[in-house]
Amino acid sequence: MANETEKPAFWEKAFSEKQEMWGFEPAQSAVLTKDFFLEKSVKNVLVPGVGYGRNAQLFVANGMAVTGIEISKTAIEMARKHYGTAMNIYQGSVTDMPFDNNKYNGLFCYALIHLLDDKDRKKLISDCYNQLAEHGYMVFTAISKTAPTYAQGKFLSKDRYEIFEGVQMFFYDEESVHAEFGPYGLFEIIPIQESQPFLLVKCKK
């Protein structure tokens, strides 16, 4: 069965019904990444899975040019309503990257990588790395195996479960982070508690 969270209809329904479902406060990992990007003088940021822009707006507010990728037309319309044309957003699935030939100093991908299957996770990490400028940084937040939802629901494959209908998640630990991100300049893994326990994964090109 295909993963519904990879399909436009899933996110259209979610954003249409729940609108600004995560509020407007940026995630803690976005705040930490903003500070890190400022420290590294990052000027332009690519945000795959930008949603309605609550995390991306933080980068804009701190002087960075932001390009987003978002599968949901409704979410993009919400971003325009709240933030105007402050960020350039491509409509489409992150599995269809790249959407442009630009190189970015920074990339931030929040709570998306773990919704993909093995093949699409590998492709996304590689595609993101390929869009980094030399000495650029990419930061991912990925759900941790310490989450209470780990090993709940239907077992699909090692560390991957359908936790409720249509939502399939891969749960990371340090070993799997090293396995998937290691070839792409991985240099730091930080556990962080948000709505769920996440791992903040940092790579440098």
C-alpha atoms as a PDB file:
ATOM      1  CA  MET A   1       0.000   0.000   0.000  1.00  0.00           C
ATOM      2  CA  ALA A   2       1.341   3.431  -0.944  1.00  0.00           C
ATOM      3  CA  ASN A   3       2.145   5.896   1.788  1.00  0.00           C
ATOM      4  CA  GLU A   4      -0.710   8.419   1.828  1.00  0.00           C
ATOM      5  CA  THR A   5       1.531  11.111   3.325  1.00  0.00           C
ATOM      6  CA  GLU A   6       3.484  11.190   0.062  1.00  0.00           C
ATOM      7  CA  LYS A   7       0.324  12.064  -1.899  1.00  0.00           C
ATOM      8  CA  PRO A   8      -1.044  15.584  -2.563  1.00  0.00           C
ATOM      9  CA  ALA A   9      -4.607  14.582  -1.555  1.00  0.00           C
ATOM     10  CA  PHE A  10      -3.483  13.694   1.990  1.00  0.00           C
ATOM     11  CA  TRP A  11      -1.979  17.128   2.621  1.00  0.00           C
ATOM     12  CA  GLU A  12      -4.716  19.018   0.773  1.00  0.00           C
ATOM     13  CA  LYS A  13      -7.256  17.428   3.111  1.00  0.00           C
ATOM     14  CA  ALA A  14      -5.093  18.066   6.191  1.00  0.00           C
ATOM     15  CA  PHE A  15      -4.492  21.741   5.447  1.00  0.00           C
ATOM     16  CA  SER A  16      -8.065  22.365   4.220  1.00  0.00           C
ATOM     17  CA  GLU A  17      -9.598  20.861   7.355  1.00  0.00           C
ATOM     18  CA  LYS A  18      -7.058  21.901   9.993  1.00  0.00           C
ATOM     19  CA  GLN A  19      -5.697  25.110   8.425  1.00  0.00           C
ATOM     20  CA  GLU A  20      -2.819  26.459  10.575  1.00  0.00           C
ATOM     21  CA  MET A  21      -2.637  23.183  12.467  1.00  0.00           C
ATOM     22  CA  TRP A  22       0.756  23.866  14.057  1.00  0.00           C
ATOM     23  CA  GLY A  23       0.081  27.500  14.945  1.00  0.00           C
ATOM     24  CA  PHE A  24       2.525  30.271  14.049  1.00  0.00           C
ATOM     25  CA  GLU A  25       5.304  29.761  16.564  1.00  0.00           C
ATOM     26  CA  PRO A  26       8.326  28.215  14.836  1.00  0.00           C
ATOM     27  CA  ALA A  27       9.512  24.826  16.026  1.00  0.00           C
ATOM     28  CA  GLN A  28      12.395  24.835  18.500  1.00  0.00           C
ATOM     29  CA  SER A  29      14.606  23.086  15.949  1.00  0.00           C
ATOM     30  CA  ALA A  30      13.895  25.938  13.480  1.00  0.00           C
ATOM     31  CA  VAL A  31      15.003  28.474  16.111  1.00  0.00           C
ATOM     32  CA  LEU A  32      18.215  26.522  16.743  1.00  0.00           C
ATOM     33  CA  THR A  33      18.825  26.222  12.992  1.00  0.00           C
ATOM     34  CA  LYS A  34      18.218  29.956  12.471  1.00  0.00           C
ATOM     35  CA  ASP A  35      20.856  30.727  15.112  1.00  0.00           C
ATOM     36  CA  PHE A  36      23.239  28.241  13.491  1.00  0.00           C
ATOM     37  CA  PHE A  37      22.644  29.702   9.997  1.00  0.00           C
ATOM     38  CA  LEU A  38      23.232  33.247  11.279  1.00  0.00           C
ATOM     39  CA  GLU A  39      26.484  32.109  12.887  1.00  0.00           C
ATOM     40  CA  LYS A  40      27.550  30.600   9.542  1.00  0.00           C
ATOM     41  CA  SER A  41      26.428  33.691   7.526  1.00  0.00           C
ATOM     42  CA  VAL A  42      23.911  31.679   5.497  1.00  0.00           C
ATOM     43  CA  LYS A  43      22.206  33.979   2.979  1.00  0.00           C
ATOM     44  CA  ASN A  44      19.747  31.737   1.121  1.00  0.00           C
ATOM     45  CA  VAL A  45      17.799  28.755   2.405  1.00  0.00           C
ATOM     46  CA  LEU A  46      15.893  25.941   0.708  1.00  0.00           C
ATOM     47  CA  VAL A  47      12.994  24.521   2.752  1.00  0.00           C
ATOM     48  CA  PRO A  48      11.562  21.251   1.375  1.00  0.00           C
ATOM     49  CA  GLY A  49       8.096  20.688   2.864  1.00  0.00           C
ATOM     50  CA  VAL A  50       7.626  24.364   3.750  1.00  0.00           C
ATOM     51  CA  GLY A  51       3.928  23.966   4.698  1.00  0.00           C
ATOM     52  CA  TYR A  52       2.316  27.340   5.366  1.00  0.00           C
ATOM     53  CA  GLY A  53       5.673  28.851   6.240  1.00  0.00           C
ATOM     54  CA  ARG A  54       5.750  29.069  10.032  1.00  0.00           C
ATOM     55  CA  ASN A  55       9.360  27.834  10.235  1.00  0.00           C
ATOM     56  CA  ALA A  56      10.582  29.433   6.998  1.00  0.00           C
ATOM     57  CA  GLN A  57       9.339  32.867   8.081  1.00  0.00           C
ATOM     58  CA  LEU A  58      11.951  32.827  10.852  1.00  0.00           C
ATOM     59  CA  PHE A  59      14.724  32.720   8.253  1.00  0.00           C
ATOM     60  CA  VAL A  60      13.098  35.522   6.226  1.00  0.00           C
ATOM     61  CA  ALA A  61      12.787  37.661   9.363  1.00  0.00           C
ATOM     62  CA  ASN A  62      16.525  37.254   9.903  1.00  0.00           C
ATOM     63  CA  GLY A  63      17.519  38.472   6.460  1.00  0.00           C
ATOM     64  CA  MET A  64      17.765  35.189   4.556  1.00  0.00           C
ATOM     65  CA  ALA A  65      16.205  34.578   1.146  1.00  0.00           C
ATOM     66  CA  VAL A  66      13.930  31.530   1.332  1.00  0.00           C
ATOM     67  CA  THR A  67      12.746  29.108  -1.344  1.00  0.00           C
ATOM     68  CA  GLY A  68      10.207  26.497  -0.320  1.00  0.00           C
ATOM     69  CA  ILE A  69       8.819  23.302  -1.831  1.00  0.00           C
ATOM     70  CA  GLU A  70       5.277  22.304  -0.846  1.00  0.00           C
ATOM     71  CA  ILE A  71       2.941  19.626  -2.166  1.00  0.00           C
ATOM     72  CA  SER A  72      -0.278  21.297  -0.950  1.00  0.00           C
ATOM     73  CA  LYS A  73      -1.798  24.171  -2.932  1.00  0.00           C
ATOM     74  CA  THR A  74      -3.866  25.102   0.142  1.00  0.00           C
ATOM     75  CA  ALA A  75      -0.742  25.388   2.308  1.00  0.00           C
ATOM     76  CA  ILE A  76       0.929  27.638  -0.296  1.00  0.00           C
ATOM     77  CA  GLU A  77      -2.164  29.870  -0.380  1.00  0.00           C
ATOM     78  CA  MET A  78      -2.012  30.097   3.435  1.00  0.00           C
ATOM     79  CA  ALA A  79       1.682  31.047   3.269  1.00  0.00           C
ATOM     80  CA  ARG A  80       0.834  33.814   0.781  1.00  0.00           C
ATOM     81  CA  LYS A  81      -1.996  35.048   3.035  1.00  0.00           C
ATOM     82  CA  HIS A  82       0.218  35.261   6.113  1.00  0.00           C
ATOM     83  CA  TYR A  83       3.600  36.177   4.662  1.00  0.00           C
ATOM     84  CA  GLY A  84       2.876  37.689   1.249  1.00  0.00           C
ATOM     85  CA  THR A  85       5.591  37.032  -1.304  1.00  0.00           C
ATOM     86  CA  ALA A  86       8.390  36.898   1.284  1.00  0.00           C
ATOM     87  CA  MET A  87       9.378  33.446   0.060  1.00  0.00           C
ATOM     88  CA  ASN A  88       9.422  31.757  -3.330  1.00  0.00           C
ATOM     89  CA  ILE A  89       7.480  28.466  -3.205  1.00  0.00           C
ATOM     90  CA  TYR A  90       7.397  25.679  -5.781  1.00  0.00           C
ATOM     91  CA  GLN A  91       4.322  23.456  -5.711  1.00  0.00           C
ATOM     92  CA  GLY A  92       5.222  19.793  -5.944  1.00  0.00           C
ATOM     93  CA  SER A  93       6.490  16.757  -4.074  1.00  0.00           C
ATOM     94  CA  VAL A  94       9.984  16.777  -2.587  1.00  0.00           C
ATOM     95  CA  THR A  95      10.439  13.413  -4.306  1.00  0.00           C
ATOM     96  CA  ASP A  96      10.473  15.356  -7.594  1.00  0.00           C
ATOM     97  CA  MET A  97      13.397  17.601  -6.641  1.00  0.00           C
ATOM     98  CA  PRO A  98      15.165  19.560  -7.984  1.00  0.00           C
ATOM     99  CA  PHE A  99      12.759  22.358  -8.966  1.00  0.00           C
ATOM    100  CA  ASP A 100      15.539  24.791  -9.900  1.00  0.00           C
ATOM    101  CA  ASN A 101      19.277  24.765 -10.570  1.00  0.00           C
ATOM    102  CA  ASN A 102      20.126  27.116  -7.713  1.00  0.00           C
ATOM    103  CA  LYS A 103      22.692  26.336  -5.051  1.00  0.00           C
ATOM    104  CA  TYR A 104      21.807  27.187  -1.452  1.00  0.00           C
ATOM    105  CA  ASN A 105      24.014  28.037   1.545  1.00  0.00           C
ATOM    106  CA  GLY A 106      21.507  26.415   3.863  1.00  0.00           C
ATOM    107  CA  LEU A 107      18.717  23.852   3.762  1.00  0.00           C
ATOM    108  CA  PHE A 108      16.189  23.084   6.502  1.00  0.00           C
ATOM    109  CA  CYS A 109      13.854  20.093   6.304  1.00  0.00           C
ATOM    110  CA  TYR A 110      11.504  19.726   9.266  1.00  0.00           C
ATOM    111  CA  ALA A 111       9.715  16.485  10.231  1.00  0.00           C
ATOM    112  CA  LEU A 112       9.428  15.231   6.666  1.00  0.00           C
ATOM    113  CA  ILE A 113      12.230  12.744   5.988  1.00  0.00           C
ATOM    114  CA  HIS A 114      10.701  10.075   8.265  1.00  0.00           C
ATOM    115  CA  LEU A 115       7.432  10.086   6.258  1.00  0.00           C
ATOM    116  CA  LEU A 116       9.211   8.674   3.199  1.00  0.00           C
ATOM    117  CA  ASP A 117      10.142   5.118   2.325  1.00  0.00           C
ATOM    118  CA  ASP A 118      13.727   3.911   2.072  1.00  0.00           C
ATOM    119  CA  LYS A 119      14.179   4.784  -1.621  1.00  0.00           C
ATOM    120  CA  ASP A 120      12.628   8.253  -1.316  1.00  0.00           C
ATOM    121  CA  ARG A 121      14.585   9.098   1.862  1.00  0.00           C
ATOM    122  CA  LYS A 122      17.841   8.300   0.076  1.00  0.00           C
ATOM    123  CA  LYS A 123      16.801  10.343  -2.954  1.00  0.00           C
ATOM    124  CA  LEU A 124      15.733  13.331  -0.836  1.00  0.00           C
ATOM    125  CA  ILE A 125      18.990  13.407   1.131  1.00  0.00           C
ATOM    126  CA  SER A 126      21.028  13.157  -2.082  1.00  0.00           C
ATOM    127  CA  ASP A 127      18.908  15.792  -3.888  1.00  0.00           C
ATOM    128  CA  CYS A 128      19.202  18.190  -0.949  1.00  0.00           C
ATOM    129  CA  TYR A 129      22.965  17.714  -0.749  1.00  0.00           C
ATOM    130  CA  ASN A 130      23.264  18.318  -4.499  1.00  0.00           C
ATOM    131  CA  GLN A 131      21.528  21.689  -4.121  1.00  0.00           C
ATOM    132  CA  LEU A 132      23.938  22.896  -1.450  1.00  0.00           C
ATOM    133  CA  ALA A 133      26.619  25.389  -2.397  1.00  0.00           C
ATOM    134  CA  GLU A 134      30.180  24.418  -1.525  1.00  0.00           C
ATOM    135  CA  HIS A 135      30.566  24.689   2.297  1.00  0.00           C
ATOM    136  CA  GLY A 136      26.769  24.872   2.626  1.00  0.00           C
ATOM    137  CA  TYR A 137      24.835  23.277   5.499  1.00  0.00           C
ATOM    138  CA  MET A 138      21.730  21.128   5.585  1.00  0.00           C
ATOM    139  CA  VAL A 139      19.713  20.460   8.738  1.00  0.00           C
ATOM    140  CA  PHE A 140      16.993  17.816   9.057  1.00  0.00           C
ATOM    141  CA  THR A 141      14.710  17.001  11.970  1.00  0.00           C
ATOM    142  CA  ALA A 142      13.778  13.329  12.075  1.00  0.00           C
ATOM    143  CA  ILE A 143      11.601  11.448  14.544  1.00  0.00           C
ATOM    144  CA  SER A 144      13.520   9.372  17.076  1.00  0.00           C
ATOM    145  CA  LYS A 145      13.026   5.779  18.140  1.00  0.00           C
ATOM    146  CA  THR A 146      12.491   7.152  21.663  1.00  0.00           C
ATOM    147  CA  ALA A 147       9.067   8.482  20.529  1.00  0.00           C
ATOM    148  CA  PRO A 148       6.056   6.820  22.242  1.00  0.00           C
ATOM    149  CA  THR A 149       4.651   5.966  18.780  1.00  0.00           C
ATOM    150  CA  TYR A 150       7.684   3.806  17.935  1.00  0.00           C
ATOM    151  CA  ALA A 151       6.717   0.156  17.288  1.00  0.00           C
ATOM    152  CA  GLN A 152       3.019   1.098  17.444  1.00  0.00           C
ATOM    153  CA  GLY A 153       0.612   0.251  14.657  1.00  0.00           C
ATOM    154  CA  LYS A 154       1.358  -1.982  11.704  1.00  0.00           C
ATOM    155  CA  PHE A 155       4.941  -3.174  11.170  1.00  0.00           C
ATOM    156  CA  LEU A 156       6.127  -2.428   7.632  1.00  0.00           C
ATOM    157  CA  SER A 157       9.893  -2.980   7.751  1.00  0.00           C
ATOM    158  CA  LYS A 158      12.753  -2.427  10.183  1.00  0.00           C
ATOM    159  CA  ASP A 159      11.930   0.683  12.275  1.00  0.00           C
ATOM    160  CA  ARG A 160       9.067   1.617   9.924  1.00  0.00           C
ATOM    161  CA  TYR A 161       5.416   1.461  10.990  1.00  0.00           C
ATOM    162  CA  GLU A 162       2.014   2.593   9.805  1.00  0.00           C
ATOM    163  CA  ILE A 163       1.056   4.380  13.011  1.00  0.00           C
ATOM    164  CA  PHE A 164      -2.453   5.178  11.816  1.00  0.00           C
ATOM    165  CA  GLU A 165      -4.163   4.801   8.472  1.00  0.00           C
ATOM    166  CA  GLY A 166      -2.110   6.339   5.692  1.00  0.00           C
ATOM    167  CA  VAL A 167       0.694   7.650   7.926  1.00  0.00           C
ATOM    168  CA  GLN A 168       3.846   5.581   7.655  1.00  0.00           C
ATOM    169  CA  MET A 169       6.910   6.578   9.659  1.00  0.00           C
ATOM    170  CA  PHE A 170      10.520   5.523   9.819  1.00  0.00           C
ATOM    171  CA  PHE A 171      12.001   6.023  13.298  1.00  0.00           C
ATOM    172  CA  TYR A 172      15.669   7.016  13.507  1.00  0.00           C
ATOM    173  CA  ASP A 173      18.436   6.310  15.976  1.00  0.00           C
ATOM    174  CA  GLU A 174      22.074   7.372  15.754  1.00  0.00           C
ATOM    175  CA  GLU A 175      22.984   4.242  13.811  1.00  0.00           C
ATOM    176  CA  SER A 176      20.404   4.842  11.071  1.00  0.00           C
ATOM    177  CA  VAL A 177      21.251   8.576  10.940  1.00  0.00           C
ATOM    178  CA  HIS A 178      24.901   7.645  10.339  1.00  0.00           C
ATOM    179  CA  ALA A 179      23.895   5.075   7.721  1.00  0.00           C
ATOM    180  CA  GLU A 180      21.740   7.493   5.707  1.00  0.00           C
ATOM    181  CA  PHE A 181      23.436  10.867   6.271  1.00  0.00           C
ATOM    182  CA  GLY A 182      27.023   9.710   6.817  1.00  0.00           C
ATOM    183  CA  PRO A 183      27.995   9.947   3.115  1.00  0.00           C
ATOM    184  CA  TYR A 184      26.688  13.535   3.006  1.00  0.00           C
ATOM    185  CA  GLY A 185      28.931  15.389   5.414  1.00  0.00           C
ATOM    186  CA  LEU A 186      27.182  14.452   8.669  1.00  0.00           C
ATOM    187  CA  PHE A 187      28.901  16.160  11.584  1.00  0.00           C
ATOM    188  CA  GLU A 188      26.389  16.497  14.436  1.00  0.00           C
ATOM    189  CA  ILE A 189      23.272  14.790  15.836  1.00  0.00           C
ATOM    190  CA  ILE A 190      21.343  16.587  18.596  1.00  0.00           C
ATOM    191  CA  PRO A 191      18.377  15.030  20.442  1.00  0.00           C
ATOM    192  CA  ILE A 192      15.585  17.600  20.786  1.00  0.00           C
ATOM    193  CA  GLN A 193      12.164  17.379  22.420  1.00  0.00           C
ATOM    194  CA  GLU A 194       9.302  19.012  20.550  1.00  0.00           C
ATOM    195  CA  SER A 195       5.806  17.578  20.049  1.00  0.00           C
ATOM    196  CA  GLN A 196       7.764  14.331  19.683  1.00  0.00           C
ATOM    197  CA  PRO A 197      11.387  13.479  20.420  1.00  0.00           C
ATOM    198  CA  PHE A 198      13.384  14.349  17.327  1.00  0.00           C
ATOM    199  CA  LEU A 199      16.988  14.146  16.212  1.00  0.00           C
ATOM    200  CA  LEU A 200      18.430  17.360  14.729  1.00  0.00           C
ATOM    201  CA  VAL A 201      20.802  16.186  11.996  1.00  0.00           C
ATOM    202  CA  LYS A 202      23.483  18.546  10.625  1.00  0.00           C
ATOM    203  CA  CYS A 203      25.549  18.028   7.480  1.00  0.00           C
ATOM    204  CA  LYS A 204      28.144  20.183   5.684  1.00  0.00           C
ATOM    205  CA  LYS A 205      29.147  20.034   2.040  1.00  0.00           C
END
